[in-house]
Amino acid sequence: MQAYKLNTTIDESGHLIIDEPLNIAPGKVEVIILQPVPSLETPTESQPEKPKRQTKIKALQGWFEKTQPTPSDFDPDQARWEALKEKHNL
């Protein structure tokens, strides 16, 4: 199956408007419509600065900057149990 990507619009009455000509053989086609969703995140300027986590291991410094701190209600024993249940299909 050949794939084509087009930037089109939907008018107020719900009709698909294709602005560019297509060189496709006549016949049935399958249409998949992907509509971009506006981001819910706020701009990075208004986000509070994350506290830097320090480590003596240089390889982990960059990794710490990319990860989020664990939530205050995190239970490591429960996380281990969930991982074991998933691993062994319990």
C-alpha atoms as a PDB file:
ATOM      1  CA  MET A   1       0.000   0.000   0.000  1.00  0.00           C
ATOM      2  CA  GLN A   2       1.403   3.391  -0.997  1.00  0.00           C
ATOM      3  CA  ALA A   3       1.235   6.181   1.611  1.00  0.00           C
ATOM      4  CA  TYR A   4       0.832   9.905   0.982  1.00  0.00           C
ATOM      5  CA  LYS A   5       1.075  12.759   3.441  1.00  0.00           C
ATOM      6  CA  LEU A   6      -0.934  15.898   2.748  1.00  0.00           C
ATOM      7  CA  ASN A   7      -1.630  19.022   4.755  1.00  0.00           C
ATOM      8  CA  THR A   8      -5.337  19.700   4.309  1.00  0.00           C
ATOM      9  CA  THR A   9      -8.133  21.522   6.100  1.00  0.00           C
ATOM     10  CA  ILE A  10     -11.642  20.730   7.268  1.00  0.00           C
ATOM     11  CA  ASP A  11     -14.147  23.486   6.521  1.00  0.00           C
ATOM     12  CA  GLU A  12     -16.977  24.596   8.829  1.00  0.00           C
ATOM     13  CA  SER A  13     -19.411  22.088   7.291  1.00  0.00           C
ATOM     14  CA  GLY A  14     -17.021  19.181   7.936  1.00  0.00           C
ATOM     15  CA  HIS A  15     -15.750  18.693   4.374  1.00  0.00           C
ATOM     16  CA  LEU A  16     -12.147  17.707   3.755  1.00  0.00           C
ATOM     17  CA  ILE A  17     -10.442  20.284   1.513  1.00  0.00           C
ATOM     18  CA  ILE A  18      -7.330  19.098  -0.374  1.00  0.00           C
ATOM     19  CA  ASP A  19      -5.477  22.118  -1.743  1.00  0.00           C
ATOM     20  CA  GLU A  20      -2.822  20.336  -3.805  1.00  0.00           C
ATOM     21  CA  PRO A  21      -3.358  18.088  -6.833  1.00  0.00           C
ATOM     22  CA  LEU A  22      -2.798  14.348  -6.385  1.00  0.00           C
ATOM     23  CA  ASN A  23      -1.383  11.954  -8.950  1.00  0.00           C
ATOM     24  CA  ILE A  24      -3.088   8.797  -7.654  1.00  0.00           C
ATOM     25  CA  ALA A  25      -4.698   5.990  -9.657  1.00  0.00           C
ATOM     26  CA  PRO A  26      -8.512   5.926  -9.424  1.00  0.00           C
ATOM     27  CA  GLY A  27     -10.064   3.500  -6.961  1.00  0.00           C
ATOM     28  CA  LYS A  28     -10.920   3.075  -3.323  1.00  0.00           C
ATOM     29  CA  VAL A  29      -8.603   4.619  -0.733  1.00  0.00           C
ATOM     30  CA  GLU A  30      -8.292   4.463   3.028  1.00  0.00           C
ATOM     31  CA  VAL A  31      -8.046   7.846   4.771  1.00  0.00           C
ATOM     32  CA  ILE A  32      -6.487   8.330   8.199  1.00  0.00           C
ATOM     33  CA  ILE A  33      -6.895  11.782   9.720  1.00  0.00           C
ATOM     34  CA  LEU A  34      -4.477  13.001  12.392  1.00  0.00           C
ATOM     35  CA  GLN A  35      -5.341  16.311  14.009  1.00  0.00           C
ATOM     36  CA  PRO A  36      -2.655  18.061  16.060  1.00  0.00           C
ATOM     37  CA  VAL A  37      -3.626  18.619  19.688  1.00  0.00           C
ATOM     38  CA  PRO A  38      -2.502  21.834  21.373  1.00  0.00           C
ATOM     39  CA  SER A  39       0.074  21.225  24.081  1.00  0.00           C
ATOM     40  CA  LEU A  40      -1.149  21.481  27.671  1.00  0.00           C
ATOM     41  CA  GLU A  41       2.292  22.299  29.014  1.00  0.00           C
ATOM     42  CA  THR A  42       3.089  25.845  29.998  1.00  0.00           C
ATOM     43  CA  PRO A  43       6.108  27.585  28.510  1.00  0.00           C
ATOM     44  CA  THR A  44       9.399  26.645  30.101  1.00  0.00           C
ATOM     45  CA  GLU A  45       9.913  30.200  31.369  1.00  0.00           C
ATOM     46  CA  SER A  46       7.060  29.922  33.886  1.00  0.00           C
ATOM     47  CA  GLN A  47       8.039  26.478  35.177  1.00  0.00           C
ATOM     48  CA  PRO A  48       9.846  26.509  38.501  1.00  0.00           C
ATOM     49  CA  GLU A  49      13.492  25.547  38.457  1.00  0.00           C
ATOM     50  CA  LYS A  50      14.087  21.924  39.474  1.00  0.00           C
ATOM     51  CA  PRO A  51      16.492  21.510  42.359  1.00  0.00           C
ATOM     52  CA  LYS A  52      19.761  19.971  41.235  1.00  0.00           C
ATOM     53  CA  ARG A  53      20.462  16.526  42.656  1.00  0.00           C
ATOM     54  CA  GLN A  54      24.122  15.997  43.400  1.00  0.00           C
ATOM     55  CA  THR A  55      26.076  12.793  42.901  1.00  0.00           C
ATOM     56  CA  LYS A  56      29.720  11.846  43.034  1.00  0.00           C
ATOM     57  CA  ILE A  57      29.278   9.568  40.005  1.00  0.00           C
ATOM     58  CA  LYS A  58      29.860  11.665  36.886  1.00  0.00           C
ATOM     59  CA  ALA A  59      27.959   9.264  34.604  1.00  0.00           C
ATOM     60  CA  LEU A  60      24.763   9.815  36.603  1.00  0.00           C
ATOM     61  CA  GLN A  61      24.852  13.635  36.684  1.00  0.00           C
ATOM     62  CA  GLY A  62      23.256  14.060  33.251  1.00  0.00           C
ATOM     63  CA  TRP A  63      20.745  11.292  33.984  1.00  0.00           C
ATOM     64  CA  PHE A  64      19.611  13.002  37.187  1.00  0.00           C
ATOM     65  CA  GLU A  65      18.900  16.194  35.249  1.00  0.00           C
ATOM     66  CA  LYS A  66      16.540  14.325  32.894  1.00  0.00           C
ATOM     67  CA  THR A  67      14.578  12.404  35.559  1.00  0.00           C
ATOM     68  CA  GLN A  68      11.898  13.481  37.998  1.00  0.00           C
ATOM     69  CA  PRO A  69      12.319  12.966  41.756  1.00  0.00           C
ATOM     70  CA  THR A  70      10.275  10.134  43.267  1.00  0.00           C
ATOM     71  CA  PRO A  71       6.877  11.137  44.654  1.00  0.00           C
ATOM     72  CA  SER A  72       6.503  11.411  48.432  1.00  0.00           C
ATOM     73  CA  ASP A  73       4.007   8.507  48.525  1.00  0.00           C
ATOM     74  CA  PHE A  74       6.305   6.099  46.598  1.00  0.00           C
ATOM     75  CA  ASP A  75       6.536   2.643  48.211  1.00  0.00           C
ATOM     76  CA  PRO A  76       9.591   0.689  46.981  1.00  0.00           C
ATOM     77  CA  ASP A  77       8.274  -2.630  48.332  1.00  0.00           C
ATOM     78  CA  GLN A  78       4.990  -2.188  46.456  1.00  0.00           C
ATOM     79  CA  ALA A  79       6.912  -1.310  43.268  1.00  0.00           C
ATOM     80  CA  ARG A  80       9.032  -4.472  43.625  1.00  0.00           C
ATOM     81  CA  TRP A  81       5.908  -6.584  44.153  1.00  0.00           C
ATOM     82  CA  GLU A  82       4.200  -5.081  41.091  1.00  0.00           C
ATOM     83  CA  ALA A  83       7.300  -5.745  38.973  1.00  0.00           C
ATOM     84  CA  LEU A  84       7.493  -9.373  40.164  1.00  0.00           C
ATOM     85  CA  LYS A  85       3.769  -9.925  39.471  1.00  0.00           C
ATOM     86  CA  GLU A  86       4.206  -8.576  35.940  1.00  0.00           C
ATOM     87  CA  LYS A  87       7.390 -10.580  35.326  1.00  0.00           C
ATOM     88  CA  HIS A  88       5.916 -13.894  36.481  1.00  0.00           C
ATOM     89  CA  ASN A  89       2.336 -13.300  35.213  1.00  0.00           C
ATOM     90  CA  LEU A  90       0.814 -13.569  38.701  1.00  0.00           C
END
